[in-house]
Amino acid sequence: MIIPIRCMSCGKPVAHLWEQYDKRVKAGEEPKQVLDDLGLKRYCCRALFLGHVHLIDKIAKYQRP
């Protein structure tokens, strides 16, 4: 799915941080440290990032009949 623009619980804008988070975690950094560096202190925002599954590329290849 696509990362939401704002956190669903508190309303903080978070979408602009997703690419930087994803890039740093794939480079081998610890997710906790990356979230701290990005300024995501609330548990709801952190859960949004940690629980996000990037499915858009997998779903996009299937067409509706």
N, C-alpha and C. Protein backbone atom coordinates (compact mmCIF):
# COMPACT_ATOMS: atom_id res chain seq x y z
N MET A 1 0.83 -1.17 0.00
CA MET A 1 0.00 0.00 0.00
C MET A 1 0.88 1.24 0.00
N ILE A 2 0.26 2.37 -0.12
CA ILE A 2 0.98 3.64 -0.16
C ILE A 2 0.98 4.23 1.25
N ILE A 3 2.11 4.79 1.66
CA ILE A 3 2.21 5.38 2.99
C ILE A 3 1.25 6.56 3.09
N PRO A 4 0.48 6.66 4.17
CA PRO A 4 -0.46 7.79 4.31
C PRO A 4 0.27 9.13 4.44
N ILE A 5 -0.40 10.20 4.04
CA ILE A 5 0.19 11.54 4.13
C ILE A 5 0.40 11.92 5.59
N ARG A 6 -0.60 11.64 6.41
CA ARG A 6 -0.54 11.96 7.83
C ARG A 6 -0.75 10.70 8.66
N CYS A 7 -0.24 10.74 9.89
CA CYS A 7 -0.48 9.65 10.82
C CYS A 7 -1.98 9.57 11.08
N MET A 8 -2.51 8.36 11.07
CA MET A 8 -3.95 8.18 11.22
C MET A 8 -4.43 8.48 12.64
N SER A 9 -3.55 8.44 13.61
CA SER A 9 -3.96 8.68 15.00
C SER A 9 -3.78 10.13 15.44
N CYS A 10 -2.59 10.68 15.22
CA CYS A 10 -2.31 12.01 15.74
C CYS A 10 -2.35 13.11 14.69
N GLY A 11 -2.29 12.76 13.41
CA GLY A 11 -2.38 13.75 12.35
C GLY A 11 -1.06 14.39 11.93
N LYS A 12 0.05 13.91 12.46
CA LYS A 12 1.36 14.47 12.09
C LYS A 12 1.71 14.08 10.65
N PRO A 13 2.18 15.02 9.84
CA PRO A 13 2.61 14.69 8.48
C PRO A 13 3.83 13.75 8.51
N VAL A 14 3.72 12.61 7.83
CA VAL A 14 4.79 11.61 7.87
C VAL A 14 5.24 11.12 6.50
N ALA A 15 4.47 11.37 5.45
CA ALA A 15 4.77 10.79 4.14
C ALA A 15 6.11 11.24 3.59
N HIS A 16 6.51 12.47 3.88
CA HIS A 16 7.76 12.98 3.34
C HIS A 16 8.98 12.30 3.95
N LEU A 17 8.79 11.57 5.04
CA LEU A 17 9.90 10.88 5.70
C LEU A 17 10.09 9.44 5.23
N TRP A 18 9.11 8.91 4.50
CA TRP A 18 9.14 7.48 4.15
C TRP A 18 10.35 7.10 3.29
N GLU A 19 10.64 7.86 2.24
CA GLU A 19 11.75 7.49 1.35
C GLU A 19 13.08 7.48 2.08
N GLN A 20 13.29 8.48 2.93
CA GLN A 20 14.53 8.54 3.68
C GLN A 20 14.62 7.36 4.67
N TYR A 21 13.52 7.06 5.33
CA TYR A 21 13.48 5.92 6.26
C TYR A 21 13.79 4.61 5.52
N ASP A 22 13.10 4.39 4.42
CA ASP A 22 13.26 3.15 3.66
C ASP A 22 14.69 2.99 3.16
N LYS A 23 15.25 4.06 2.65
CA LYS A 23 16.62 4.03 2.12
C LYS A 23 17.64 3.70 3.22
N ARG A 24 17.48 4.32 4.37
CA ARG A 24 18.43 4.10 5.46
C ARG A 24 18.31 2.70 6.06
N VAL A 25 17.09 2.17 6.16
CA VAL A 25 16.91 0.83 6.71
C VAL A 25 17.45 -0.21 5.75
N LYS A 26 17.23 -0.01 4.44
CA LYS A 26 17.79 -0.94 3.45
C LYS A 26 19.31 -0.90 3.42
N ALA A 27 19.89 0.23 3.83
CA ALA A 27 21.35 0.36 3.88
C ALA A 27 21.93 -0.35 5.11
N GLY A 28 21.06 -0.79 6.01
CA GLY A 28 21.54 -1.56 7.15
C GLY A 28 21.45 -0.88 8.50
N GLU A 29 20.89 0.32 8.55
CA GLU A 29 20.77 1.00 9.83
C GLU A 29 19.63 0.40 10.65
N GLU A 30 19.71 0.56 11.94
CA GLU A 30 18.69 0.06 12.86
C GLU A 30 17.44 0.94 12.75
N PRO A 31 16.26 0.32 12.54
CA PRO A 31 15.02 1.11 12.39
C PRO A 31 14.74 2.04 13.57
N LYS A 32 15.05 1.62 14.78
CA LYS A 32 14.83 2.47 15.96
C LYS A 32 15.62 3.76 15.86
N GLN A 33 16.88 3.64 15.48
CA GLN A 33 17.74 4.82 15.37
C GLN A 33 17.28 5.75 14.25
N VAL A 34 16.85 5.19 13.14
CA VAL A 34 16.38 5.99 12.02
C VAL A 34 15.12 6.76 12.42
N LEU A 35 14.19 6.09 13.09
CA LEU A 35 12.96 6.76 13.53
C LEU A 35 13.27 7.88 14.52
N ASP A 36 14.23 7.65 15.42
CA ASP A 36 14.64 8.70 16.36
C ASP A 36 15.24 9.89 15.62
N ASP A 37 16.10 9.62 14.64
CA ASP A 37 16.74 10.69 13.87
C ASP A 37 15.73 11.50 13.05
N LEU A 38 14.68 10.83 12.57
CA LEU A 38 13.67 11.51 11.77
C LEU A 38 12.68 12.30 12.62
N GLY A 39 12.75 12.13 13.93
CA GLY A 39 11.88 12.89 14.82
C GLY A 39 10.53 12.24 15.08
N LEU A 40 10.41 10.95 14.82
CA LEU A 40 9.16 10.24 15.08
C LEU A 40 9.23 9.67 16.49
N LYS A 41 8.65 10.40 17.44
CA LYS A 41 8.72 10.02 18.85
C LYS A 41 7.46 9.30 19.32
N ARG A 42 6.31 9.61 18.71
CA ARG A 42 5.05 9.01 19.16
C ARG A 42 4.93 7.57 18.67
N TYR A 43 4.35 6.73 19.51
CA TYR A 43 4.24 5.31 19.17
C TYR A 43 3.34 5.09 17.97
N CYS A 44 2.33 5.97 17.76
CA CYS A 44 1.43 5.77 16.63
C CYS A 44 2.15 6.00 15.30
N CYS A 45 3.00 7.01 15.24
CA CYS A 45 3.77 7.29 14.02
C CYS A 45 4.81 6.20 13.77
N ARG A 46 5.44 5.74 14.83
CA ARG A 46 6.44 4.69 14.70
C ARG A 46 5.81 3.39 14.21
N ALA A 47 4.62 3.08 14.74
CA ALA A 47 3.92 1.86 14.34
C ALA A 47 3.51 1.94 12.88
N LEU A 48 3.16 3.13 12.41
CA LEU A 48 2.79 3.32 11.01
C LEU A 48 3.96 2.94 10.09
N PHE A 49 5.15 3.36 10.45
CA PHE A 49 6.34 3.06 9.64
C PHE A 49 6.76 1.60 9.79
N LEU A 50 6.76 1.09 11.00
CA LEU A 50 7.23 -0.28 11.23
C LEU A 50 6.26 -1.32 10.67
N GLY A 51 4.98 -0.99 10.63
CA GLY A 51 4.00 -1.94 10.14
C GLY A 51 3.66 -1.80 8.68
N HIS A 52 4.26 -0.84 8.01
CA HIS A 52 3.94 -0.59 6.60
C HIS A 52 4.55 -1.67 5.71
N VAL A 53 3.74 -2.20 4.80
CA VAL A 53 4.19 -3.19 3.82
C VAL A 53 4.01 -2.57 2.45
N HIS A 54 5.07 -2.49 1.68
CA HIS A 54 5.04 -1.83 0.38
C HIS A 54 4.54 -2.82 -0.67
N LEU A 55 3.26 -2.76 -0.99
CA LEU A 55 2.65 -3.72 -1.91
C LEU A 55 2.30 -3.13 -3.27
N ILE A 56 2.46 -1.84 -3.48
CA ILE A 56 1.98 -1.20 -4.69
C ILE A 56 2.60 -1.81 -5.95
N ASP A 57 3.86 -2.17 -5.92
CA ASP A 57 4.50 -2.76 -7.10
C ASP A 57 3.95 -4.15 -7.40
N LYS A 58 3.61 -4.90 -6.37
CA LYS A 58 3.06 -6.24 -6.57
C LYS A 58 1.62 -6.18 -7.07
N ILE A 59 0.85 -5.24 -6.56
CA ILE A 59 -0.56 -5.11 -6.94
C ILE A 59 -0.69 -4.50 -8.34
N ALA A 60 0.19 -3.61 -8.70
CA ALA A 60 0.08 -2.88 -9.96
C ALA A 60 0.21 -3.78 -11.19
N LYS A 61 0.85 -4.93 -11.08
CA LYS A 61 1.03 -5.77 -12.25
C LYS A 61 -0.23 -6.58 -12.61
N TYR A 62 -1.22 -6.60 -11.71
CA TYR A 62 -2.47 -7.31 -11.99
C TYR A 62 -3.50 -6.32 -12.52
N GLN A 63 -4.16 -6.65 -13.62
CA GLN A 63 -5.17 -5.79 -14.20
C GLN A 63 -6.55 -6.36 -13.90
N ARG A 64 -7.48 -5.46 -13.85
CA ARG A 64 -8.85 -5.85 -13.63
C ARG A 64 -9.45 -6.39 -14.94
N PRO A 65 -10.18 -7.52 -14.88
CA PRO A 65 -10.71 -8.11 -16.13
C PRO A 65 -11.81 -7.28 -16.75
